[in-house]
Amino acid sequence: MTTLIAEDLLLLLLDDVKGTPTSSYLDTALGGALLVELALAEAVHVQERTSVWSSAKVLVDPGVAVADPVLGAALTRVAERERSASDLVNRLGKGAKDALADRLVERGLLTRHDDRVLGLFPRTRWLAADTRHEGAVRGALTAVLVQGLAPDARTGALVALLAAVDKAPSAVDHPGVPAREIKRRAKQVAEGTWAAKAVQDAIAASVAAITAGITAATVATTASS
């Protein structure tokens, strides 16, 4: 089954039983995943920073088309005007969860459940229906994070995105291996040279943007408490 990195990331960051996200930063992470997928498709690249004060801008590579409708919509958003990666991960992530989850429902990987909390507040949960694909993704991640195998570009990108939201240990079975070691390995993979420079640049920019968003949210929460 062919899936987007963002779809695999969504499967990994949804609780299979509760059907709710396990990360508060899911939308931003999904935006980063879409940006990375566009880089893998050679549809966009991250412009070199001209100074320490400038932000990394994402530019569309002309003449490259993407067939996937979700990626196509993301590419259209990138092409609107020159924006930073930190701006784009939030824009691309807005509404991505529902769009991607609906596709996973159509493919039989998730089921949608609409109900109300306390009988008043509507909510949607996405429960696991067929976990075989997710199991294969987790197996590829385990080979990299636990067994130490070299990642391909797709798995490496997924590791980097999981590391950005501090969810690498929960994505793999690691009996006897401390979570801190999985985190160390995930960081090592994220900073590795297993993909073309354009892809690595997009991953680095996306991870930096996600991390900055998490930091800003944490500071805001602390200040308000």
C-alpha atoms as a PDB file:
ATOM      1  CA  MET A   1       0.000   0.000   0.000  1.00  0.00           C
ATOM      2  CA  THR A   2       1.362   3.391  -0.991  1.00  0.00           C
ATOM      3  CA  THR A   3       0.896   6.035   1.682  1.00  0.00           C
ATOM      4  CA  LEU A   4       2.249   9.493   2.357  1.00  0.00           C
ATOM      5  CA  ILE A   5       4.764  10.057   5.130  1.00  0.00           C
ATOM      6  CA  ALA A   6       2.115  12.240   6.747  1.00  0.00           C
ATOM      7  CA  GLU A   7      -0.374   9.352   6.686  1.00  0.00           C
ATOM      8  CA  ASP A   8       2.134   7.014   8.312  1.00  0.00           C
ATOM      9  CA  LEU A   9       2.940   9.669  10.903  1.00  0.00           C
ATOM     10  CA  LEU A  10      -0.766  10.090  11.654  1.00  0.00           C
ATOM     11  CA  LEU A  11      -1.188   6.353  12.189  1.00  0.00           C
ATOM     12  CA  LEU A  12       1.761   6.364  14.582  1.00  0.00           C
ATOM     13  CA  LEU A  13       0.493   9.377  16.531  1.00  0.00           C
ATOM     14  CA  LEU A  14      -3.073   8.131  16.990  1.00  0.00           C
ATOM     15  CA  ASP A  15      -3.929   5.913  19.937  1.00  0.00           C
ATOM     16  CA  ASP A  16      -5.222   2.713  18.321  1.00  0.00           C
ATOM     17  CA  VAL A  17      -7.790   2.109  21.062  1.00  0.00           C
ATOM     18  CA  LYS A  18      -8.894   5.616  22.043  1.00  0.00           C
ATOM     19  CA  GLY A  19      -8.659   7.035  18.530  1.00  0.00           C
ATOM     20  CA  THR A  20      -7.197  10.319  19.772  1.00  0.00           C
ATOM     21  CA  PRO A  21      -3.803  11.970  19.090  1.00  0.00           C
ATOM     22  CA  THR A  22      -0.940  11.103  21.408  1.00  0.00           C
ATOM     23  CA  SER A  23       0.812  14.405  20.676  1.00  0.00           C
ATOM     24  CA  SER A  24      -0.424  17.946  21.199  1.00  0.00           C
ATOM     25  CA  TYR A  25       1.609  19.009  18.175  1.00  0.00           C
ATOM     26  CA  LEU A  26       0.082  16.663  15.637  1.00  0.00           C
ATOM     27  CA  ASP A  27      -1.025  19.349  13.177  1.00  0.00           C
ATOM     28  CA  THR A  28       2.413  20.963  13.036  1.00  0.00           C
ATOM     29  CA  ALA A  29       4.095  17.582  12.656  1.00  0.00           C
ATOM     30  CA  LEU A  30       1.769  16.668   9.775  1.00  0.00           C
ATOM     31  CA  GLY A  31       2.577  19.982   8.093  1.00  0.00           C
ATOM     32  CA  GLY A  32       6.256  19.143   8.386  1.00  0.00           C
ATOM     33  CA  ALA A  33       5.635  15.704   6.934  1.00  0.00           C
ATOM     34  CA  LEU A  34       3.868  17.176   3.890  1.00  0.00           C
ATOM     35  CA  LEU A  35       6.728  19.601   3.332  1.00  0.00           C
ATOM     36  CA  VAL A  36       9.271  16.790   3.531  1.00  0.00           C
ATOM     37  CA  GLU A  37       7.246  14.664   1.097  1.00  0.00           C
ATOM     38  CA  LEU A  38       7.274  17.543  -1.407  1.00  0.00           C
ATOM     39  CA  ALA A  39      11.047  17.713  -1.053  1.00  0.00           C
ATOM     40  CA  LEU A  40      11.330  13.961  -1.620  1.00  0.00           C
ATOM     41  CA  ALA A  41       9.279  14.435  -4.798  1.00  0.00           C
ATOM     42  CA  GLU A  42      11.759  17.178  -5.807  1.00  0.00           C
ATOM     43  CA  ALA A  43       8.851  19.623  -5.998  1.00  0.00           C
ATOM     44  CA  VAL A  44      10.280  22.111  -3.488  1.00  0.00           C
ATOM     45  CA  HIS A  45      13.603  23.041  -1.978  1.00  0.00           C
ATOM     46  CA  VAL A  46      14.739  25.101   0.986  1.00  0.00           C
ATOM     47  CA  GLN A  47      16.684  28.198   0.052  1.00  0.00           C
ATOM     48  CA  GLU A  48      20.044  28.727   1.696  1.00  0.00           C
ATOM     49  CA  ARG A  49      19.908  31.210   4.562  1.00  0.00           C
ATOM     50  CA  THR A  50      21.734  34.425   3.737  1.00  0.00           C
ATOM     51  CA  SER A  51      22.432  35.291   7.386  1.00  0.00           C
ATOM     52  CA  VAL A  52      21.820  34.085  10.912  1.00  0.00           C
ATOM     53  CA  TRP A  53      18.974  36.609  11.093  1.00  0.00           C
ATOM     54  CA  SER A  54      17.125  35.262   8.059  1.00  0.00           C
ATOM     55  CA  SER A  55      14.753  32.296   8.040  1.00  0.00           C
ATOM     56  CA  ALA A  56      14.920  29.397   5.626  1.00  0.00           C
ATOM     57  CA  LYS A  57      12.530  30.042   2.720  1.00  0.00           C
ATOM     58  CA  VAL A  58      10.816  27.253   0.797  1.00  0.00           C
ATOM     59  CA  LEU A  59      10.671  27.584  -2.984  1.00  0.00           C
ATOM     60  CA  VAL A  60       8.799  25.551  -5.596  1.00  0.00           C
ATOM     61  CA  ASP A  61      10.858  23.825  -8.266  1.00  0.00           C
ATOM     62  CA  PRO A  62       9.182  24.707 -11.590  1.00  0.00           C
ATOM     63  CA  GLY A  63       8.000  21.979 -13.900  1.00  0.00           C
ATOM     64  CA  VAL A  64       7.425  19.365 -11.194  1.00  0.00           C
ATOM     65  CA  ALA A  65       3.893  18.041 -10.725  1.00  0.00           C
ATOM     66  CA  VAL A  66       2.577  15.735  -8.008  1.00  0.00           C
ATOM     67  CA  ALA A  67      -0.282  13.328  -8.604  1.00  0.00           C
ATOM     68  CA  ASP A  68      -1.507  12.958  -5.029  1.00  0.00           C
ATOM     69  CA  PRO A  69      -4.335  15.460  -4.365  1.00  0.00           C
ATOM     70  CA  VAL A  70      -3.264  16.204  -0.782  1.00  0.00           C
ATOM     71  CA  LEU A  71       0.301  16.845  -1.919  1.00  0.00           C
ATOM     72  CA  GLY A  72      -1.021  18.875  -4.844  1.00  0.00           C
ATOM     73  CA  ALA A  73      -2.951  21.131  -2.471  1.00  0.00           C
ATOM     74  CA  ALA A  74       0.136  21.481  -0.289  1.00  0.00           C
ATOM     75  CA  LEU A  75       2.250  22.395  -3.317  1.00  0.00           C
ATOM     76  CA  THR A  76      -0.296  25.026  -4.349  1.00  0.00           C
ATOM     77  CA  ARG A  77      -0.055  26.560  -0.882  1.00  0.00           C
ATOM     78  CA  VAL A  78       3.748  26.646  -1.055  1.00  0.00           C
ATOM     79  CA  ALA A  79       3.579  28.274  -4.497  1.00  0.00           C
ATOM     80  CA  GLU A  80       1.328  31.125  -3.324  1.00  0.00           C
ATOM     81  CA  ARG A  81       4.310  33.175  -2.250  1.00  0.00           C
ATOM     82  CA  GLU A  82       7.720  32.823  -0.649  1.00  0.00           C
ATOM     83  CA  ARG A  83       7.306  31.681   2.934  1.00  0.00           C
ATOM     84  CA  SER A  84       9.521  30.290   5.663  1.00  0.00           C
ATOM     85  CA  ALA A  85       9.414  26.653   6.659  1.00  0.00           C
ATOM     86  CA  SER A  86       8.155  27.664  10.110  1.00  0.00           C
ATOM     87  CA  ASP A  87       5.200  29.455   8.491  1.00  0.00           C
ATOM     88  CA  LEU A  88       4.477  26.603   6.097  1.00  0.00           C
ATOM     89  CA  VAL A  89       4.428  23.721   8.567  1.00  0.00           C
ATOM     90  CA  ASN A  90       1.576  25.448  10.389  1.00  0.00           C
ATOM     91  CA  ARG A  91      -0.291  26.367   7.212  1.00  0.00           C
ATOM     92  CA  LEU A  92       0.099  22.909   5.684  1.00  0.00           C
ATOM     93  CA  GLY A  93      -0.812  21.213   8.941  1.00  0.00           C
ATOM     94  CA  LYS A  94      -4.095  23.088   9.381  1.00  0.00           C
ATOM     95  CA  GLY A  95      -6.907  20.678   8.544  1.00  0.00           C
ATOM     96  CA  ALA A  96      -4.463  17.971   7.443  1.00  0.00           C
ATOM     97  CA  LYS A  97      -5.472  15.508  10.153  1.00  0.00           C
ATOM     98  CA  ASP A  98      -9.079  15.183   9.008  1.00  0.00           C
ATOM     99  CA  ALA A  99      -8.175  15.043   5.313  1.00  0.00           C
ATOM    100  CA  LEU A 100      -5.578  12.349   5.870  1.00  0.00           C
ATOM    101  CA  ALA A 101      -7.731  10.391   8.325  1.00  0.00           C
ATOM    102  CA  ASP A 102     -10.620  10.332   5.855  1.00  0.00           C
ATOM    103  CA  ARG A 103      -8.299   8.774   3.262  1.00  0.00           C
ATOM    104  CA  LEU A 104      -7.129   6.173   5.749  1.00  0.00           C
ATOM    105  CA  VAL A 105     -10.779   5.338   6.467  1.00  0.00           C
ATOM    106  CA  GLU A 106     -11.381   4.843   2.744  1.00  0.00           C
ATOM    107  CA  ARG A 107      -8.428   2.446   2.647  1.00  0.00           C
ATOM    108  CA  GLY A 108      -9.760   0.470   5.595  1.00  0.00           C
ATOM    109  CA  LEU A 109      -6.952   1.376   7.987  1.00  0.00           C
ATOM    110  CA  LEU A 110      -9.069   3.512  10.326  1.00  0.00           C
ATOM    111  CA  THR A 111     -12.708   3.765  11.312  1.00  0.00           C
ATOM    112  CA  ARG A 112     -14.378   7.061  12.163  1.00  0.00           C
ATOM    113  CA  HIS A 113     -16.436   7.418  15.334  1.00  0.00           C
ATOM    114  CA  ASP A 114     -18.441  10.576  16.025  1.00  0.00           C
ATOM    115  CA  ASP A 115     -19.802  11.023  19.527  1.00  0.00           C
ATOM    116  CA  ARG A 116     -20.182  13.619  22.272  1.00  0.00           C
ATOM    117  CA  VAL A 117     -18.184  14.195  25.433  1.00  0.00           C
ATOM    118  CA  LEU A 118     -20.515  14.320  28.438  1.00  0.00           C
ATOM    119  CA  GLY A 119     -23.330  14.182  25.939  1.00  0.00           C
ATOM    120  CA  LEU A 120     -22.641  17.803  24.958  1.00  0.00           C
ATOM    121  CA  PHE A 121     -19.399  18.398  23.073  1.00  0.00           C
ATOM    122  CA  PRO A 122     -19.008  16.746  19.656  1.00  0.00           C
ATOM    123  CA  ARG A 123     -15.784  14.921  18.923  1.00  0.00           C
ATOM    124  CA  THR A 124     -14.381  12.648  16.253  1.00  0.00           C
ATOM    125  CA  ARG A 125     -12.177   9.676  17.038  1.00  0.00           C
ATOM    126  CA  TRP A 126     -10.185   7.612  14.544  1.00  0.00           C
ATOM    127  CA  LEU A 127      -9.841   4.009  15.695  1.00  0.00           C
ATOM    128  CA  ALA A 128      -7.529   1.415  14.211  1.00  0.00           C
ATOM    129  CA  ALA A 129      -9.295  -0.957  11.815  1.00  0.00           C
ATOM    130  CA  ASP A 130      -6.449  -2.784  10.070  1.00  0.00           C
ATOM    131  CA  THR A 131      -3.055  -2.462  11.753  1.00  0.00           C
ATOM    132  CA  ARG A 132      -0.993  -4.465   9.262  1.00  0.00           C
ATOM    133  CA  HIS A 133       0.352  -1.432   7.413  1.00  0.00           C
ATOM    134  CA  GLU A 134       1.096   0.420  10.633  1.00  0.00           C
ATOM    135  CA  GLY A 135       2.847  -2.713  11.890  1.00  0.00           C
ATOM    136  CA  ALA A 136       5.067  -2.754   8.810  1.00  0.00           C
ATOM    137  CA  VAL A 137       5.950   0.920   9.352  1.00  0.00           C
ATOM    138  CA  ARG A 138       6.798   0.240  12.983  1.00  0.00           C
ATOM    139  CA  GLY A 139       8.915  -2.710  11.858  1.00  0.00           C
ATOM    140  CA  ALA A 140      10.949  -0.465   9.545  1.00  0.00           C
ATOM    141  CA  LEU A 141      11.399   2.030  12.374  1.00  0.00           C
ATOM    142  CA  THR A 142      12.449  -0.736  14.767  1.00  0.00           C
ATOM    143  CA  ALA A 143      15.091  -1.930  12.308  1.00  0.00           C
ATOM    144  CA  VAL A 144      16.603   1.561  12.343  1.00  0.00           C
ATOM    145  CA  LEU A 145      16.120   2.650  15.957  1.00  0.00           C
ATOM    146  CA  VAL A 146      16.615  -0.645  17.772  1.00  0.00           C
ATOM    147  CA  GLN A 147      18.662  -2.824  15.435  1.00  0.00           C
ATOM    148  CA  GLY A 148      20.779   0.041  14.132  1.00  0.00           C
ATOM    149  CA  LEU A 149      20.233  -0.471  10.399  1.00  0.00           C
ATOM    150  CA  ALA A 150      20.742   2.459   8.029  1.00  0.00           C
ATOM    151  CA  PRO A 151      17.467   4.163   7.066  1.00  0.00           C
ATOM    152  CA  ASP A 152      16.201   4.922   3.589  1.00  0.00           C
ATOM    153  CA  ALA A 153      15.094   8.494   2.941  1.00  0.00           C
ATOM    154  CA  ARG A 154      11.452   7.852   3.794  1.00  0.00           C
ATOM    155  CA  THR A 155      12.115   6.037   7.082  1.00  0.00           C
ATOM    156  CA  GLY A 156      14.779   8.546   8.036  1.00  0.00           C
ATOM    157  CA  ALA A 157      12.348  11.398   7.498  1.00  0.00           C
ATOM    158  CA  LEU A 158       9.739   9.665   9.638  1.00  0.00           C
ATOM    159  CA  VAL A 159      12.293   9.155  12.417  1.00  0.00           C
ATOM    160  CA  ALA A 160      13.242  12.835  12.309  1.00  0.00           C
ATOM    161  CA  LEU A 161       9.604  13.931  12.529  1.00  0.00           C
ATOM    162  CA  LEU A 162       8.913  11.575  15.431  1.00  0.00           C
ATOM    163  CA  ALA A 163      11.998  12.864  17.211  1.00  0.00           C
ATOM    164  CA  ALA A 164      10.783  16.442  16.771  1.00  0.00           C
ATOM    165  CA  VAL A 165       7.638  15.681  18.802  1.00  0.00           C
ATOM    166  CA  ASP A 166       9.493  13.351  21.207  1.00  0.00           C
ATOM    167  CA  LYS A 167       7.573  10.245  20.125  1.00  0.00           C
ATOM    168  CA  ALA A 168      10.336   8.016  18.728  1.00  0.00           C
ATOM    169  CA  PRO A 169      10.393   5.585  21.704  1.00  0.00           C
ATOM    170  CA  SER A 170       6.622   5.016  21.579  1.00  0.00           C
ATOM    171  CA  ALA A 171       6.775   4.180  17.867  1.00  0.00           C
ATOM    172  CA  VAL A 172       8.854   1.013  18.359  1.00  0.00           C
ATOM    173  CA  ASP A 173       9.090  -2.007  20.625  1.00  0.00           C
ATOM    174  CA  HIS A 174      12.381  -1.707  22.465  1.00  0.00           C
ATOM    175  CA  PRO A 175      12.500  -4.256  25.318  1.00  0.00           C
ATOM    176  CA  GLY A 176      15.776  -3.974  27.176  1.00  0.00           C
ATOM    177  CA  VAL A 177      16.721  -0.761  25.366  1.00  0.00           C
ATOM    178  CA  PRO A 178      16.181   2.437  27.395  1.00  0.00           C
ATOM    179  CA  ALA A 179      13.986   5.136  25.882  1.00  0.00           C
ATOM    180  CA  ARG A 180      16.882   7.577  26.135  1.00  0.00           C
ATOM    181  CA  GLU A 181      18.898   5.355  23.811  1.00  0.00           C
ATOM    182  CA  ILE A 182      16.070   5.330  21.272  1.00  0.00           C
ATOM    183  CA  LYS A 183      15.922   9.123  21.508  1.00  0.00           C
ATOM    184  CA  ARG A 184      19.686   9.331  21.010  1.00  0.00           C
ATOM    185  CA  ARG A 185      19.526   7.097  17.973  1.00  0.00           C
ATOM    186  CA  ALA A 186      16.582   9.079  16.550  1.00  0.00           C
ATOM    187  CA  LYS A 187      18.525  12.328  16.907  1.00  0.00           C
ATOM    188  CA  GLN A 188      21.542  10.700  15.255  1.00  0.00           C
ATOM    189  CA  VAL A 189      19.403   9.539  12.341  1.00  0.00           C
ATOM    190  CA  ALA A 190      17.759  12.967  12.007  1.00  0.00           C
ATOM    191  CA  GLU A 191      21.177  14.583  11.674  1.00  0.00           C
ATOM    192  CA  GLY A 192      22.571  11.906   9.330  1.00  0.00           C
ATOM    193  CA  THR A 193      23.407  12.051   5.627  1.00  0.00           C
ATOM    194  CA  TRP A 194      21.121   9.281   4.344  1.00  0.00           C
ATOM    195  CA  ALA A 195      19.210  11.490   1.887  1.00  0.00           C
ATOM    196  CA  ALA A 196      19.939  14.055  -0.800  1.00  0.00           C
ATOM    197  CA  LYS A 197      20.860  17.495   0.484  1.00  0.00           C
ATOM    198  CA  ALA A 198      17.580  19.052  -0.674  1.00  0.00           C
ATOM    199  CA  VAL A 199      15.634  16.507   1.365  1.00  0.00           C
ATOM    200  CA  GLN A 200      17.916  16.893   4.374  1.00  0.00           C
ATOM    201  CA  ASP A 201      17.479  20.658   4.199  1.00  0.00           C
ATOM    202  CA  ALA A 202      13.691  20.279   4.157  1.00  0.00           C
ATOM    203  CA  ILE A 203      13.780  17.834   7.069  1.00  0.00           C
ATOM    204  CA  ALA A 204      16.068  20.095   9.082  1.00  0.00           C
ATOM    205  CA  ALA A 205      13.881  23.140   8.376  1.00  0.00           C
ATOM    206  CA  SER A 206      10.689  21.230   9.229  1.00  0.00           C
ATOM    207  CA  VAL A 207      12.118  19.798  12.452  1.00  0.00           C
ATOM    208  CA  ALA A 208      13.403  23.237  13.473  1.00  0.00           C
ATOM    209  CA  ALA A 209       9.977  24.743  12.767  1.00  0.00           C
ATOM    210  CA  ILE A 210       8.157  22.039  14.739  1.00  0.00           C
ATOM    211  CA  THR A 211      10.586  22.398  17.646  1.00  0.00           C
ATOM    212  CA  ALA A 212      10.189  26.176  17.634  1.00  0.00           C
ATOM    213  CA  GLY A 213       6.409  25.798  17.695  1.00  0.00           C
ATOM    214  CA  ILE A 214       6.574  23.417  20.636  1.00  0.00           C
ATOM    215  CA  THR A 215       8.905  25.750  22.510  1.00  0.00           C
ATOM    216  CA  ALA A 216       6.658  28.741  21.889  1.00  0.00           C
ATOM    217  CA  ALA A 217       3.570  26.821  23.034  1.00  0.00           C
ATOM    218  CA  THR A 218       5.367  25.648  26.168  1.00  0.00           C
ATOM    219  CA  VAL A 219       6.505  29.172  27.026  1.00  0.00           C
ATOM    220  CA  ALA A 220       2.990  30.535  26.488  1.00  0.00           C
ATOM    221  CA  THR A 221       1.474  27.846  28.712  1.00  0.00           C
ATOM    222  CA  THR A 222       4.027  28.476  31.452  1.00  0.00           C
ATOM    223  CA  ALA A 223       3.493  32.225  31.322  1.00  0.00           C
ATOM    224  CA  SER A 224      -0.281  31.891  31.635  1.00  0.00           C
ATOM    225  CA  SER A 225      -0.177  29.502  34.597  1.00  0.00           C
END
